[in-house]
């Protein structure tokens, strides 16, 4: 029987065997043919599908969106407008993540500046506590669930 075993497919595509099995369980990948020994054997079409799934995942598409893209890829010549909508949604999610990362970056920069300033002021004396850790502790207390 000609085809690729799961380990070879995983190496070729750069994903884990567990990921391939997961995609199969989630219905993104058609169940492969199995040998008498129950080993999965993938054909070229399955390998192309896996490469497509990996790239779509890297672009930030959700599993549901990838499922839609696979369906569109397999049979709808007028899929462009739907794909455009999916791309717009993915781009919006990426922009939200970028904004969150910028907010996080600014917080970390503030914390680092504070740390450097406080260490410079302390000179050779070492404080018994770190003001940044203290600030994080206060923030943790402020956000913890209230006990009744």
C-alpha atoms as a PDB file:
ATOM      1  CA  UNK A   1       0.000   0.000   0.000  1.00  0.00           C
ATOM      2  CA  UNK A   2       1.521   3.315  -1.092  1.00  0.00           C
ATOM      3  CA  UNK A   3       1.232   6.271   1.200  1.00  0.00           C
ATOM      4  CA  UNK A   4       2.791   8.051   4.131  1.00  0.00           C
ATOM      5  CA  UNK A   5       2.724   6.884   7.721  1.00  0.00           C
ATOM      6  CA  UNK A   6       1.790   9.433  10.356  1.00  0.00           C
ATOM      7  CA  UNK A   7       5.363   9.971  11.609  1.00  0.00           C
ATOM      8  CA  UNK A   8       6.614  10.872   8.153  1.00  0.00           C
ATOM      9  CA  UNK A   9       3.643  13.191   7.583  1.00  0.00           C
ATOM     10  CA  UNK A  10       4.269  14.908  10.917  1.00  0.00           C
ATOM     11  CA  UNK A  11       7.946  15.476  10.084  1.00  0.00           C
ATOM     12  CA  UNK A  12       7.178  16.667   6.551  1.00  0.00           C
ATOM     13  CA  UNK A  13       4.614  19.226   7.706  1.00  0.00           C
ATOM     14  CA  UNK A  14       6.243  20.215  10.975  1.00  0.00           C
ATOM     15  CA  UNK A  15       3.423  19.290  13.320  1.00  0.00           C
ATOM     16  CA  UNK A  16       3.083  16.598  15.937  1.00  0.00           C
ATOM     17  CA  UNK A  17       1.459  13.220  15.541  1.00  0.00           C
ATOM     18  CA  UNK A  18      -0.982  14.253  18.280  1.00  0.00           C
ATOM     19  CA  UNK A  19      -1.988  17.310  16.247  1.00  0.00           C
ATOM     20  CA  UNK A  20      -2.711  15.164  13.206  1.00  0.00           C
ATOM     21  CA  UNK A  21      -4.851  12.833  15.309  1.00  0.00           C
ATOM     22  CA  UNK A  22      -6.605  15.874  16.822  1.00  0.00           C
ATOM     23  CA  UNK A  23      -7.429  17.258  13.360  1.00  0.00           C
ATOM     24  CA  UNK A  24      -8.780  13.867  12.415  1.00  0.00           C
ATOM     25  CA  UNK A  25     -10.963  13.711  15.568  1.00  0.00           C
ATOM     26  CA  UNK A  26     -12.229  17.254  14.907  1.00  0.00           C
ATOM     27  CA  UNK A  27     -13.321  16.264  11.404  1.00  0.00           C
ATOM     28  CA  UNK A  28     -10.868  18.555   9.603  1.00  0.00           C
ATOM     29  CA  UNK A  29      -9.141  15.596   8.059  1.00  0.00           C
ATOM     30  CA  UNK A  30     -10.807  12.614   6.465  1.00  0.00           C
ATOM     31  CA  UNK A  31     -10.001   9.391   8.306  1.00  0.00           C
ATOM     32  CA  UNK A  32      -6.996   7.851   6.554  1.00  0.00           C
ATOM     33  CA  UNK A  33      -6.797   4.342   5.243  1.00  0.00           C
ATOM     34  CA  UNK A  34      -5.339   1.910   7.761  1.00  0.00           C
ATOM     35  CA  UNK A  35      -2.988  -0.995   7.260  1.00  0.00           C
ATOM     36  CA  UNK A  36      -3.692  -4.457   8.616  1.00  0.00           C
ATOM     37  CA  UNK A  37      -1.636  -3.418  11.602  1.00  0.00           C
ATOM     38  CA  UNK A  38      -4.000  -0.422  12.091  1.00  0.00           C
ATOM     39  CA  UNK A  39      -1.367   2.157  11.105  1.00  0.00           C
ATOM     40  CA  UNK A  40      -2.692   5.296   9.459  1.00  0.00           C
ATOM     41  CA  UNK A  41      -1.597   5.744   5.845  1.00  0.00           C
ATOM     42  CA  UNK A  42      -2.029   9.187   4.315  1.00  0.00           C
ATOM     43  CA  UNK A  43      -2.255   9.912   0.608  1.00  0.00           C
ATOM     44  CA  UNK A  44      -1.022  13.063  -1.137  1.00  0.00           C
ATOM     45  CA  UNK A  45      -4.443  14.750  -0.842  1.00  0.00           C
ATOM     46  CA  UNK A  46      -4.433  14.285   2.939  1.00  0.00           C
ATOM     47  CA  UNK A  47      -0.908  15.692   3.166  1.00  0.00           C
ATOM     48  CA  UNK A  48      -2.011  18.732   1.115  1.00  0.00           C
ATOM     49  CA  UNK A  49      -5.019  19.153   3.417  1.00  0.00           C
ATOM     50  CA  UNK A  50      -2.764  19.019   6.467  1.00  0.00           C
ATOM     51  CA  UNK A  51      -0.435  21.631   4.973  1.00  0.00           C
ATOM     52  CA  UNK A  52      -3.470  23.811   4.253  1.00  0.00           C
ATOM     53  CA  UNK A  53      -4.784  23.349   7.816  1.00  0.00           C
ATOM     54  CA  UNK A  54      -1.392  24.217   9.291  1.00  0.00           C
ATOM     55  CA  UNK A  55      -1.082  27.398   7.217  1.00  0.00           C
ATOM     56  CA  UNK A  56      -4.649  28.463   8.015  1.00  0.00           C
ATOM     57  CA  UNK A  57      -3.970  27.871  11.708  1.00  0.00           C
ATOM     58  CA  UNK A  58      -0.774  29.945  11.490  1.00  0.00           C
ATOM     59  CA  UNK A  59      -2.845  32.764   9.975  1.00  0.00           C
ATOM     60  CA  UNK A  60      -5.072  32.727  13.050  1.00  0.00           C
ATOM     61  CA  UNK A  61      -8.143  30.993  11.739  1.00  0.00           C
ATOM     62  CA  UNK A  62     -10.225  29.091  14.287  1.00  0.00           C
ATOM     63  CA  UNK A  63     -10.924  25.385  13.842  1.00  0.00           C
ATOM     64  CA  UNK A  64     -14.488  26.175  12.755  1.00  0.00           C
ATOM     65  CA  UNK A  65     -13.193  28.654  10.183  1.00  0.00           C
ATOM     66  CA  UNK A  66     -10.621  26.152   8.934  1.00  0.00           C
ATOM     67  CA  UNK A  67     -13.406  23.611   8.529  1.00  0.00           C
ATOM     68  CA  UNK A  68     -15.325  26.167   6.422  1.00  0.00           C
ATOM     69  CA  UNK A  69     -12.234  26.977   4.367  1.00  0.00           C
ATOM     70  CA  UNK A  70     -11.660  23.295   3.658  1.00  0.00           C
ATOM     71  CA  UNK A  71     -15.255  22.901   2.484  1.00  0.00           C
ATOM     72  CA  UNK A  72     -14.969  25.991   0.305  1.00  0.00           C
ATOM     73  CA  UNK A  73     -11.618  24.827  -1.060  1.00  0.00           C
ATOM     74  CA  UNK A  74     -13.055  21.489  -2.069  1.00  0.00           C
ATOM     75  CA  UNK A  75     -16.032  22.700  -3.978  1.00  0.00           C
ATOM     76  CA  UNK A  76     -17.194  26.293  -4.155  1.00  0.00           C
ATOM     77  CA  UNK A  77     -15.884  28.340  -7.056  1.00  0.00           C
ATOM     78  CA  UNK A  78     -17.707  31.415  -5.680  1.00  0.00           C
ATOM     79  CA  UNK A  79     -16.109  31.254  -2.265  1.00  0.00           C
ATOM     80  CA  UNK A  80     -14.145  34.504  -2.484  1.00  0.00           C
ATOM     81  CA  UNK A  81     -16.614  36.728  -0.631  1.00  0.00           C
ATOM     82  CA  UNK A  82     -16.957  34.206   2.188  1.00  0.00           C
ATOM     83  CA  UNK A  83     -13.198  33.778   2.429  1.00  0.00           C
ATOM     84  CA  UNK A  84     -12.870  37.578   2.484  1.00  0.00           C
ATOM     85  CA  UNK A  85     -15.279  37.706   5.459  1.00  0.00           C
ATOM     86  CA  UNK A  86     -13.302  35.020   7.290  1.00  0.00           C
ATOM     87  CA  UNK A  87     -10.078  36.924   6.603  1.00  0.00           C
ATOM     88  CA  UNK A  88     -11.658  40.112   7.978  1.00  0.00           C
ATOM     89  CA  UNK A  89     -12.678  38.328  11.165  1.00  0.00           C
ATOM     90  CA  UNK A  90      -9.218  36.815  11.596  1.00  0.00           C
ATOM     91  CA  UNK A  91      -7.591  40.204  11.000  1.00  0.00           C
ATOM     92  CA  UNK A  92      -9.833  41.799  13.611  1.00  0.00           C
ATOM     93  CA  UNK A  93      -8.773  39.164  16.161  1.00  0.00           C
ATOM     94  CA  UNK A  94      -5.103  39.769  15.312  1.00  0.00           C
ATOM     95  CA  UNK A  95      -5.557  43.531  15.728  1.00  0.00           C
ATOM     96  CA  UNK A  96      -7.160  42.967  19.138  1.00  0.00           C
ATOM     97  CA  UNK A  97      -4.218  40.760  20.164  1.00  0.00           C
ATOM     98  CA  UNK A  98      -1.730  43.375  18.921  1.00  0.00           C
ATOM     99  CA  UNK A  99      -3.462  46.062  20.975  1.00  0.00           C
ATOM    100  CA  UNK A 100      -3.383  43.818  24.039  1.00  0.00           C
ATOM    101  CA  UNK A 101       0.317  43.092  23.477  1.00  0.00           C
ATOM    102  CA  UNK A 102       1.065  46.819  23.149  1.00  0.00           C
ATOM    103  CA  UNK A 103      -0.781  47.430  26.435  1.00  0.00           C
ATOM    104  CA  UNK A 104       1.235  44.627  28.057  1.00  0.00           C
ATOM    105  CA  UNK A 105       4.479  45.983  26.597  1.00  0.00           C
ATOM    106  CA  UNK A 106       3.750  49.429  28.046  1.00  0.00           C
ATOM    107  CA  UNK A 107       2.997  47.951  31.477  1.00  0.00           C
ATOM    108  CA  UNK A 108       6.258  46.000  31.429  1.00  0.00           C
ATOM    109  CA  UNK A 109       8.216  49.085  30.361  1.00  0.00           C
ATOM    110  CA  UNK A 110       6.672  51.087  33.230  1.00  0.00           C
ATOM    111  CA  UNK A 111       7.548  48.320  35.666  1.00  0.00           C
ATOM    112  CA  UNK A 112      11.130  48.133  34.386  1.00  0.00           C
ATOM    113  CA  UNK A 113      11.583  51.919  34.600  1.00  0.00           C
ATOM    114  CA  UNK A 114      10.235  51.878  38.150  1.00  0.00           C
ATOM    115  CA  UNK A 115      12.524  49.025  39.074  1.00  0.00           C
ATOM    116  CA  UNK A 116      15.600  50.731  37.617  1.00  0.00           C
ATOM    117  CA  UNK A 117      14.712  54.030  39.287  1.00  0.00           C
ATOM    118  CA  UNK A 118      14.136  52.412  42.679  1.00  0.00           C
ATOM    119  CA  UNK A 119      17.360  50.389  42.483  1.00  0.00           C
ATOM    120  CA  UNK A 120      19.314  53.491  41.512  1.00  0.00           C
ATOM    121  CA  UNK A 121      17.849  55.413  44.451  1.00  0.00           C
ATOM    122  CA  UNK A 122      18.632  52.577  46.839  1.00  0.00           C
ATOM    123  CA  UNK A 123      22.295  52.611  45.762  1.00  0.00           C
ATOM    124  CA  UNK A 124      24.320  50.024  47.603  1.00  0.00           C
ATOM    125  CA  UNK A 125      21.573  49.527  50.146  1.00  0.00           C
ATOM    126  CA  UNK A 126      19.308  46.670  49.310  1.00  0.00           C
ATOM    127  CA  UNK A 127      15.687  47.193  50.171  1.00  0.00           C
ATOM    128  CA  UNK A 128      13.883  44.520  52.076  1.00  0.00           C
ATOM    129  CA  UNK A 129      11.173  44.377  49.460  1.00  0.00           C
ATOM    130  CA  UNK A 130      10.798  45.119  45.786  1.00  0.00           C
ATOM    131  CA  UNK A 131       8.273  47.882  45.106  1.00  0.00           C
ATOM    132  CA  UNK A 132       7.254  46.265  41.809  1.00  0.00           C
ATOM    133  CA  UNK A 133       6.510  42.974  43.566  1.00  0.00           C
ATOM    134  CA  UNK A 134       4.588  44.912  46.189  1.00  0.00           C
ATOM    135  CA  UNK A 135       2.566  46.634  43.458  1.00  0.00           C
ATOM    136  CA  UNK A 136       1.817  43.281  41.821  1.00  0.00           C
ATOM    137  CA  UNK A 137       0.740  41.888  45.169  1.00  0.00           C
ATOM    138  CA  UNK A 138      -1.641  44.802  45.723  1.00  0.00           C
ATOM    139  CA  UNK A 139      -3.072  44.332  42.228  1.00  0.00           C
ATOM    140  CA  UNK A 140      -3.564  40.639  42.989  1.00  0.00           C
ATOM    141  CA  UNK A 141      -5.452  41.424  46.193  1.00  0.00           C
ATOM    142  CA  UNK A 142      -7.616  43.970  44.379  1.00  0.00           C
ATOM    143  CA  UNK A 143      -8.608  41.450  41.708  1.00  0.00           C
ATOM    144  CA  UNK A 144      -9.119  38.391  43.893  1.00  0.00           C
ATOM    145  CA  UNK A 145     -12.688  37.164  44.402  1.00  0.00           C
ATOM    146  CA  UNK A 146     -14.375  38.509  47.496  1.00  0.00           C
ATOM    147  CA  UNK A 147     -15.069  35.947  50.171  1.00  0.00           C
ATOM    148  CA  UNK A 148     -18.379  36.144  51.952  1.00  0.00           C
END
